[in-house]
């Protein structure tokens, strides 16, 4: 048989040569002619086979994350690997299949923080790739030149100039097509992968539930599978993952059931239900209360698999959802977000900082940046809280980029100076966010 996968305008043909091997046809793919992050993809079939062995699985998984998913990028070979990874994920003889399912999710969407809390806007994604295909490269470069000229500071201008020098329209289009191609390759496997929700291993069920939430075009079949899972599921991490995915897929039929979950004793299930209800436009006082409580003080891990959304950062996810509801939030809710921000550190501070800034500056970044005394009381509290975070957080370029995106001082010393805090005392901001 010859299965075909149509990937956003280009065709992948996998010729299966027969046999009972779950990886039949793997050797028939022209891997040497395909490319990944390090050149020819000749090593990919061996790595895929190695996933089936407990002795070689960990190294193979690490290598695949490095070559067909290098720092979030996808490549020509990525989509070709997907059908074989899906077969391994469905094979109960393969060890730790949950990690293969999570790899499939990564190949489809990259890092999920890009799409949370709203989910994948697939229509916009597809439209963006089509625009890139039809764009005049010369006009795109002219637009980038104008973007460089519009920089608000010399530092921002240098960054933009570097990006302009590195930008190549042809390679950018190829990358966009590879990403959408990988997404569509995983999408094609969903009918089989939905069966993972019935797996005996709760880690596999949780990973499968997580995966389904990223494909709104397949919502009808996926929501039916998630609804079938919920009544009998008792493992908190599985149940929470299914609830969040159902919310991302906009399954409004679950609203009464989700409201009932809000009163359950398990904190993880309450969190997931509040996340889903907010996504479905049902953010009443009880939902806000759950999200605020988690933003301030996330629950301790429960037995079983954790949720994978936002890498398990319950606090950050809750705060980001609250930031989408910024209009007329009670003061206690905003206090909870700032309490959580003050308690966050390093990478965990990124989503909290973004959420707090959205709450403080609902109209967008201040441009030009006014004197600190002219900020609103809430804006002053947020800036002081950010300035009070430790150097272990400020040393991250990602954090400085968040500050820059909001036109705020993007070095620790400058931010403390702007907020009227001494260079040596890190205690002031905590006082201001209490």
Protein backbone atom coordinates (compact mmCIF):
# COMPACT_ATOMS: atom_id res chain seq x y z
CA UNK A 1 0.00 0.00 0.00
CA UNK A 2 1.07 3.60 -0.53
CA UNK A 3 -0.18 6.02 2.12
CA UNK A 4 0.00 9.70 1.23
CA UNK A 5 0.20 12.73 3.48
CA UNK A 6 -0.68 16.08 1.96
CA UNK A 7 1.33 18.74 3.78
CA UNK A 8 0.21 22.30 3.05
CA UNK A 9 0.57 22.17 -0.71
CA UNK A 10 3.35 19.63 -1.06
CA UNK A 11 3.09 15.88 -1.04
CA UNK A 12 4.86 13.31 1.05
CA UNK A 13 4.69 9.79 -0.38
CA UNK A 14 5.67 6.93 1.90
CA UNK A 15 5.96 3.67 0.02
CA UNK A 16 5.30 0.81 2.41
CA UNK A 17 6.96 -2.33 1.15
CA UNK A 18 4.96 -4.75 3.27
CA UNK A 19 5.66 -6.93 6.26
CA UNK A 20 4.48 -7.03 9.86
CA UNK A 21 7.12 -4.67 11.20
CA UNK A 22 5.46 -1.57 12.68
CA UNK A 23 8.14 0.48 10.92
CA UNK A 24 7.70 -1.09 7.50
CA UNK A 25 8.62 1.41 4.82
CA UNK A 26 11.03 3.35 7.01
CA UNK A 27 13.99 2.32 4.88
CA UNK A 28 12.18 3.16 1.66
CA UNK A 29 12.16 6.89 2.42
CA UNK A 30 15.00 8.77 0.73
CA UNK A 31 16.41 10.08 4.00
CA UNK A 32 19.77 10.94 2.45
CA UNK A 33 18.04 13.37 0.10
CA UNK A 34 16.10 14.99 2.93
CA UNK A 35 17.59 17.55 5.30
CA UNK A 36 17.38 18.47 8.95
CA UNK A 37 19.25 20.87 11.22
CA UNK A 38 22.62 19.23 10.54
CA UNK A 39 22.37 18.39 6.85
CA UNK A 40 21.32 15.08 5.32
CA UNK A 41 18.78 13.18 7.42
CA UNK A 42 20.47 9.81 6.99
CA UNK A 43 20.52 9.26 10.77
CA UNK A 44 16.78 9.66 11.28
CA UNK A 45 15.62 6.09 10.49
CA UNK A 46 18.15 4.62 12.90
CA UNK A 47 17.04 7.02 15.61
CA UNK A 48 13.38 6.16 15.04
CA UNK A 49 14.16 2.45 15.35
CA UNK A 50 16.17 3.13 18.50
CA UNK A 51 13.08 4.59 20.18
CA UNK A 52 11.64 1.07 20.36
CA UNK A 53 14.38 -0.09 22.74
CA UNK A 54 14.60 0.86 26.40
CA UNK A 55 18.41 0.84 26.13
CA UNK A 56 18.64 3.33 23.29
CA UNK A 57 15.40 5.29 23.61
CA UNK A 58 16.66 8.21 25.71
CA UNK A 59 19.61 9.01 23.48
CA UNK A 60 17.50 8.65 20.33
CA UNK A 61 14.82 10.98 21.67
CA UNK A 62 17.43 13.57 22.61
CA UNK A 63 18.93 13.36 19.10
CA UNK A 64 15.57 13.72 17.35
CA UNK A 65 14.77 16.81 19.39
CA UNK A 66 18.10 18.15 18.17
CA UNK A 67 17.89 17.40 14.45
CA UNK A 68 14.26 17.39 13.24
CA UNK A 69 13.21 19.84 15.97
CA UNK A 70 16.21 22.03 16.61
CA UNK A 71 15.30 24.78 19.09
CA UNK A 72 11.73 24.69 17.86
CA UNK A 73 12.48 24.70 14.13
CA UNK A 74 11.17 22.02 11.81
CA UNK A 75 12.87 20.81 8.65
CA UNK A 76 12.32 18.97 5.40
CA UNK A 77 12.71 15.58 7.09
CA UNK A 78 10.41 16.37 10.01
CA UNK A 79 7.08 15.55 8.40
CA UNK A 80 8.48 12.33 6.90
CA UNK A 81 9.32 11.08 10.39
CA UNK A 82 5.84 11.69 11.78
CA UNK A 83 3.97 8.57 10.51
CA UNK A 84 6.63 6.28 11.94
CA UNK A 85 6.65 8.08 15.28
CA UNK A 86 2.86 7.75 15.37
CA UNK A 87 3.14 3.98 14.84
CA UNK A 88 5.58 3.70 17.72
CA UNK A 89 3.29 5.79 19.92
CA UNK A 90 0.46 3.34 19.26
CA UNK A 91 2.55 0.21 19.92
CA UNK A 92 2.12 -0.98 23.54
CA UNK A 93 5.45 -2.83 23.32
CA UNK A 94 7.37 0.43 22.95
CA UNK A 95 8.69 1.89 26.24
CA UNK A 96 7.67 5.34 27.48
CA UNK A 97 5.41 6.12 24.56
CA UNK A 98 4.18 9.26 26.27
CA UNK A 99 7.49 10.91 25.38
CA UNK A 100 6.99 10.03 21.71
CA UNK A 101 3.50 11.56 21.83
CA UNK A 102 4.93 14.74 23.33
CA UNK A 103 7.58 14.79 20.59
CA UNK A 104 4.78 14.60 18.01
CA UNK A 105 3.09 17.58 19.66
CA UNK A 106 6.34 19.53 19.54
CA UNK A 107 6.85 18.69 15.88
CA UNK A 108 3.33 19.95 15.16
CA UNK A 109 3.36 23.27 17.00
CA UNK A 110 6.85 24.00 18.29
CA UNK A 111 6.68 25.44 21.80
CA UNK A 112 3.11 25.63 23.08
CA UNK A 113 3.68 28.99 24.81
CA UNK A 114 3.33 30.50 21.32
CA UNK A 115 -0.35 29.50 21.21
CA UNK A 116 -1.50 29.71 24.80
CA UNK A 117 -3.91 30.57 26.19
CA UNK A 118 -6.04 30.86 23.03
CA UNK A 119 -4.97 27.71 21.19
CA UNK A 120 -3.87 27.28 17.59
CA UNK A 121 -5.37 29.82 15.20
CA UNK A 122 -4.96 27.54 12.25
CA UNK A 123 -6.85 29.70 9.76
CA UNK A 124 -4.49 32.61 10.43
CA UNK A 125 -1.50 30.29 10.29
CA UNK A 126 -2.50 28.91 6.89
CA UNK A 127 -3.30 32.39 5.59
CA UNK A 128 0.12 33.62 6.72
CA UNK A 129 1.90 30.88 4.79
CA UNK A 130 -0.17 31.68 1.70
CA UNK A 131 0.76 35.35 1.99
CA UNK A 132 4.42 34.40 2.25
CA UNK A 133 4.12 32.29 -0.90
CA UNK A 134 2.61 35.15 -2.89
CA UNK A 135 4.74 37.97 -1.46
CA UNK A 136 7.24 39.89 -3.58
CA UNK A 137 10.64 39.32 -1.89
CA UNK A 138 11.81 42.81 -2.82
CA UNK A 139 8.74 44.37 -1.21
CA UNK A 140 9.24 42.27 1.92
CA UNK A 141 12.81 43.56 2.21
CA UNK A 142 11.60 47.15 1.77
CA UNK A 143 9.12 46.61 4.59
CA UNK A 144 11.91 45.29 6.79
CA UNK A 145 14.00 48.37 6.03
CA UNK A 146 11.09 50.53 7.17
CA UNK A 147 10.79 48.38 10.30
CA UNK A 148 14.44 49.03 11.09
CA UNK A 149 13.94 52.76 10.65
CA UNK A 150 10.97 52.71 13.03
CA UNK A 151 13.05 51.42 15.96
CA UNK A 152 12.40 53.35 19.16
CA UNK A 153 15.95 53.20 20.52
CA UNK A 154 19.50 52.65 19.35
CA UNK A 155 19.59 49.23 21.04
CA UNK A 156 16.38 48.16 19.36
CA UNK A 157 17.69 49.46 16.05
CA UNK A 158 20.84 47.34 16.31
CA UNK A 159 18.76 44.22 16.97
CA UNK A 160 16.50 44.96 14.03
CA UNK A 161 19.46 45.64 11.76
CA UNK A 162 20.93 42.27 12.66
CA UNK A 163 17.65 40.52 11.90
CA UNK A 164 17.39 42.38 8.60
CA UNK A 165 20.89 41.29 7.60
CA UNK A 166 20.11 37.66 8.38
CA UNK A 167 16.68 37.63 6.76
CA UNK A 168 16.29 35.63 3.56
CA UNK A 169 12.78 35.46 2.02
CA UNK A 170 13.31 32.08 0.34
CA UNK A 171 14.62 30.30 3.42
CA UNK A 172 11.94 31.94 5.58
CA UNK A 173 9.25 30.60 3.26
CA UNK A 174 10.78 27.12 3.30
CA UNK A 175 10.82 27.14 7.08
CA UNK A 176 7.19 28.22 7.21
CA UNK A 177 6.21 25.43 4.86
CA UNK A 178 8.17 22.85 6.82
CA UNK A 179 6.43 23.93 10.02
CA UNK A 180 2.96 23.75 8.53
CA UNK A 181 3.87 20.52 6.79
CA UNK A 182 4.87 18.92 10.07
CA UNK A 183 1.64 20.15 11.66
CA UNK A 184 -0.43 18.61 8.88
CA UNK A 185 1.53 15.37 9.06
CA UNK A 186 0.63 15.00 12.75
CA UNK A 187 -2.94 16.05 12.03
CA UNK A 188 -3.22 13.20 9.53
CA UNK A 189 -2.36 10.73 12.30
CA UNK A 190 -4.99 11.95 14.79
CA UNK A 191 -7.65 9.33 13.96
CA UNK A 192 -5.27 6.63 15.15
CA UNK A 193 -3.73 8.63 17.96
CA UNK A 194 -7.13 9.27 19.58
CA UNK A 195 -7.00 5.63 20.63
CA UNK A 196 -4.28 6.58 23.11
CA UNK A 197 -7.02 7.97 25.36
CA UNK A 198 -7.99 4.34 26.05
CA UNK A 199 -4.44 3.22 26.84
CA UNK A 200 -3.71 1.40 30.11
CA UNK A 201 -0.79 3.76 30.86
CA UNK A 202 -2.01 7.05 32.38
CA UNK A 203 1.09 8.84 31.08
CA UNK A 204 0.11 7.90 27.54
CA UNK A 205 -3.49 8.98 28.13
CA UNK A 206 -2.32 12.34 29.48
CA UNK A 207 0.04 12.91 26.56
CA UNK A 208 -2.64 11.90 24.07
CA UNK A 209 -5.15 14.29 25.62
CA UNK A 210 -2.57 17.09 25.46
CA UNK A 211 -1.86 16.39 21.79
CA UNK A 212 -5.48 16.57 20.67
CA UNK A 213 -5.96 20.13 21.87
CA UNK A 214 -3.80 21.66 19.14
CA UNK A 215 -5.90 20.69 16.13
CA UNK A 216 -9.13 22.71 15.90
CA UNK A 217 -9.85 21.41 12.40
CA UNK A 218 -10.21 17.95 13.96
CA UNK A 219 -12.32 19.16 16.89
CA UNK A 220 -15.40 17.06 16.12
CA UNK A 221 -13.62 13.72 16.42
CA UNK A 222 -11.25 14.82 19.17
CA UNK A 223 -13.95 16.34 21.38
CA UNK A 224 -16.00 13.16 21.09
CA UNK A 225 -12.96 11.14 22.21
CA UNK A 226 -12.25 13.52 25.10
CA UNK A 227 -15.89 13.45 26.25
CA UNK A 228 -15.80 9.65 26.26
CA UNK A 229 -12.70 9.72 28.46
CA UNK A 230 -13.95 12.09 31.15
CA UNK A 231 -16.64 10.08 33.01
CA UNK A 232 -14.41 7.16 33.99
CA UNK A 233 -11.03 8.90 34.31
CA UNK A 234 -9.70 9.11 37.85
CA UNK A 235 -6.06 10.17 37.35
CA UNK A 236 -5.87 13.96 37.96
CA UNK A 237 -3.20 14.68 35.34
CA UNK A 238 -5.10 12.83 32.64
CA UNK A 239 -8.41 14.42 33.55
CA UNK A 240 -6.90 17.91 33.69
CA UNK A 241 -5.19 17.48 30.32
CA UNK A 242 -8.42 16.33 28.70
CA UNK A 243 -10.35 19.24 30.19
CA UNK A 244 -7.87 21.86 29.00
CA UNK A 245 -7.77 20.38 25.49
CA UNK A 246 -11.57 20.30 25.32
CA UNK A 247 -11.54 23.98 26.21
CA UNK A 248 -8.96 24.79 23.55
CA UNK A 249 -11.17 22.97 21.03
CA UNK A 250 -14.17 25.05 22.20
CA UNK A 251 -16.36 22.15 23.29
CA UNK A 252 -19.21 24.19 24.77
CA UNK A 253 -21.28 21.07 25.46
CA UNK A 254 -19.02 20.42 28.46
CA UNK A 255 -19.81 23.68 30.28
CA UNK A 256 -22.21 22.11 32.84
CA UNK A 257 -19.76 19.31 33.55
CA UNK A 258 -16.86 21.74 33.90
CA UNK A 259 -18.84 23.81 36.38
CA UNK A 260 -19.35 20.68 38.45
CA UNK A 261 -15.61 19.99 38.38
CA UNK A 262 -15.00 23.40 39.97
CA UNK A 263 -16.29 22.05 43.27
CA UNK A 264 -14.22 18.85 43.21
CA UNK A 265 -11.55 18.39 45.89
CA UNK A 266 -8.63 18.00 43.49
CA UNK A 267 -6.85 21.32 42.91
CA UNK A 268 -5.49 20.26 39.52
CA UNK A 269 -8.93 19.43 38.12
CA UNK A 270 -10.36 22.68 39.49
CA UNK A 271 -7.52 24.59 37.81
CA UNK A 272 -8.12 22.85 34.48
CA UNK A 273 -11.86 23.46 34.65
CA UNK A 274 -11.34 27.16 35.34
CA UNK A 275 -8.89 27.37 32.43
CA UNK A 276 -11.38 25.70 30.08
CA UNK A 277 -14.39 27.68 31.28
CA UNK A 278 -12.51 30.96 30.79
CA UNK A 279 -11.59 29.84 27.28
CA UNK A 280 -15.28 29.15 26.64
CA UNK A 281 -16.34 32.62 27.79
CA UNK A 282 -17.61 31.46 31.19
CA UNK A 283 -15.30 33.41 33.49
CA UNK A 284 -17.62 34.07 36.43
CA UNK A 285 -16.54 34.84 40.01
CA UNK A 286 -15.85 31.19 40.87
CA UNK A 287 -13.61 30.77 37.82
CA UNK A 288 -11.77 34.00 38.59
CA UNK A 289 -11.30 32.87 42.17
CA UNK A 290 -9.69 29.58 41.15
CA UNK A 291 -7.39 31.25 38.62
CA UNK A 292 -6.40 33.95 41.11
CA UNK A 293 -5.63 31.40 43.81
CA UNK A 294 -3.39 29.41 41.47
CA UNK A 295 -1.68 32.58 40.23
CA UNK A 296 -0.73 33.46 43.78
CA UNK A 297 0.10 29.98 45.05
CA UNK A 298 -0.01 27.02 42.64
CA UNK A 299 -1.07 23.63 44.04
CA UNK A 300 1.44 20.95 44.88
CA UNK A 301 1.93 18.13 42.35
CA UNK A 302 -0.63 15.34 42.54
CA UNK A 303 0.02 11.61 41.99
CA UNK A 304 0.31 10.51 38.39
CA UNK A 305 1.47 12.31 35.25
CA UNK A 306 1.67 16.12 35.30
CA UNK A 307 -0.05 18.31 32.74
CA UNK A 308 2.19 19.29 29.83
CA UNK A 309 0.62 22.62 28.95
CA UNK A 310 3.13 25.43 29.39
CA UNK A 311 5.54 22.78 30.65
CA UNK A 312 3.37 22.24 33.72
CA UNK A 313 3.45 25.90 34.81
CA UNK A 314 -0.01 26.09 36.37
CA UNK A 315 0.63 29.55 37.83
CA UNK A 316 1.81 31.04 34.54
CA UNK A 317 -1.07 29.56 32.57
CA UNK A 318 -3.64 30.82 35.08
CA UNK A 319 -2.16 34.33 35.08
CA UNK A 320 -2.06 34.49 31.30
CA UNK A 321 -5.71 33.51 31.10
CA UNK A 322 -6.53 36.27 33.58
CA UNK A 323 -4.62 38.73 31.42
CA UNK A 324 -6.99 37.98 28.53
CA UNK A 325 -9.86 39.00 30.83
CA UNK A 326 -8.23 42.28 31.81
CA UNK A 327 -11.39 44.38 31.71
CA UNK A 328 -12.81 45.12 35.18
CA UNK A 329 -11.01 42.37 37.06
CA UNK A 330 -11.46 42.62 40.84
CA UNK A 331 -8.52 44.16 42.69
CA UNK A 332 -8.04 40.89 44.57
CA UNK A 333 -7.40 39.06 41.31
CA UNK A 334 -4.76 41.55 40.20
CA UNK A 335 -3.18 41.36 43.66
CA UNK A 336 -2.93 37.60 43.24
CA UNK A 337 -1.13 37.92 39.90
CA UNK A 338 1.36 40.37 41.38
CA UNK A 339 1.89 38.13 44.39
CA UNK A 340 2.65 35.27 42.03
CA UNK A 341 4.99 37.43 39.94
CA UNK A 342 6.96 38.45 43.03
CA UNK A 343 7.32 34.78 43.98
CA UNK A 344 8.46 33.68 40.49
CA UNK A 345 12.02 33.35 39.35
CA UNK A 346 14.03 32.66 36.21
CA UNK A 347 11.98 31.22 33.32
CA UNK A 348 8.86 30.87 35.47
CA UNK A 349 8.80 34.67 35.68
CA UNK A 350 8.34 35.08 31.92
CA UNK A 351 4.61 34.28 31.64
CA UNK A 352 3.91 36.04 34.92
CA UNK A 353 5.67 39.20 33.74
CA UNK A 354 3.81 39.15 30.44
CA UNK A 355 0.48 38.70 32.23
CA UNK A 356 1.14 41.47 34.73
CA UNK A 357 2.16 43.88 31.98
CA UNK A 358 -1.00 43.13 30.00
CA UNK A 359 -3.05 43.86 33.10
CA UNK A 360 -1.19 47.09 33.83
CA UNK A 361 -1.00 48.41 30.27
CA UNK A 362 -4.20 47.23 28.55
CA UNK A 363 -3.76 49.84 25.80
CA UNK A 364 -0.31 48.50 24.92
CA UNK A 365 3.21 49.61 25.62
CA UNK A 366 3.67 53.25 26.65
CA UNK A 367 5.39 55.18 23.89
CA UNK A 368 7.11 57.38 24.78
CA UNK A 369 7.78 56.02 28.25
CA UNK A 370 6.50 58.62 30.73
CA UNK A 371 8.21 59.51 34.00
CA UNK A 372 7.53 56.90 36.64
CA UNK A 373 5.44 59.35 38.67
CA UNK A 374 3.00 59.68 35.74
CA UNK A 375 2.21 55.96 35.64
CA UNK A 376 -1.01 54.73 37.23
CA UNK A 377 -0.73 53.17 40.69
CA UNK A 378 -1.13 49.70 39.17
CA UNK A 379 1.53 50.37 36.56
CA UNK A 380 3.90 51.58 39.26
CA UNK A 381 3.29 48.44 41.32
CA UNK A 382 3.98 46.18 38.34
CA UNK A 383 7.17 48.00 37.36
CA UNK A 384 8.44 47.93 40.94
CA UNK A 385 7.64 44.24 41.22
CA UNK A 386 9.56 43.55 38.01
CA UNK A 387 12.47 45.68 39.18
CA UNK A 388 12.50 43.75 42.44
CA UNK A 389 13.01 40.36 40.80
CA UNK A 390 16.48 38.96 41.32
CA UNK A 391 19.41 38.92 38.95
CA UNK A 392 18.81 35.21 38.32
CA UNK A 393 15.71 36.33 36.38
CA UNK A 394 17.08 39.51 34.85
CA UNK A 395 20.07 37.69 33.39
CA UNK A 396 17.79 35.99 30.85
CA UNK A 397 17.66 37.66 27.45
CA UNK A 398 14.06 36.48 27.13
CA UNK A 399 13.10 38.49 30.18
CA UNK A 400 14.86 41.60 28.93
CA UNK A 401 13.05 41.19 25.61
CA UNK A 402 9.71 41.16 27.42
CA UNK A 403 10.64 44.45 29.04
CA UNK A 404 11.82 45.89 25.74
CA UNK A 405 8.58 44.85 24.03
CA UNK A 406 6.70 46.99 26.56
CA UNK A 407 9.09 49.92 26.07
CA UNK A 408 10.28 49.62 29.66
CA UNK A 409 13.89 49.75 30.85
CA UNK A 410 15.39 46.42 29.84
CA UNK A 411 18.32 46.15 32.24
CA UNK A 412 17.99 45.49 35.95
CA UNK A 413 19.81 48.62 37.02
CA UNK A 414 17.91 50.90 34.65
CA UNK A 415 14.57 49.46 35.72
CA UNK A 416 15.36 49.90 39.41
CA UNK A 417 16.51 53.43 38.77
CA UNK A 418 13.36 54.23 36.79
CA UNK A 419 11.20 52.83 39.62
CA UNK A 420 13.06 54.87 42.23
CA UNK A 421 14.61 51.84 43.91
CA UNK A 422 18.16 51.72 45.20
CA UNK A 423 20.65 49.68 43.27
CA UNK A 424 21.46 47.44 46.23
CA UNK A 425 18.09 46.83 47.91
CA UNK A 426 15.87 44.15 46.38
CA UNK A 427 13.28 44.21 49.13
CA UNK A 428 11.32 47.31 48.14
CA UNK A 429 9.37 45.74 45.28
CA UNK A 430 8.02 42.94 47.44
CA UNK A 431 6.60 45.57 49.78
CA UNK A 432 4.88 47.31 46.90
CA UNK A 433 3.19 44.16 45.53
CA UNK A 434 1.82 42.90 48.83
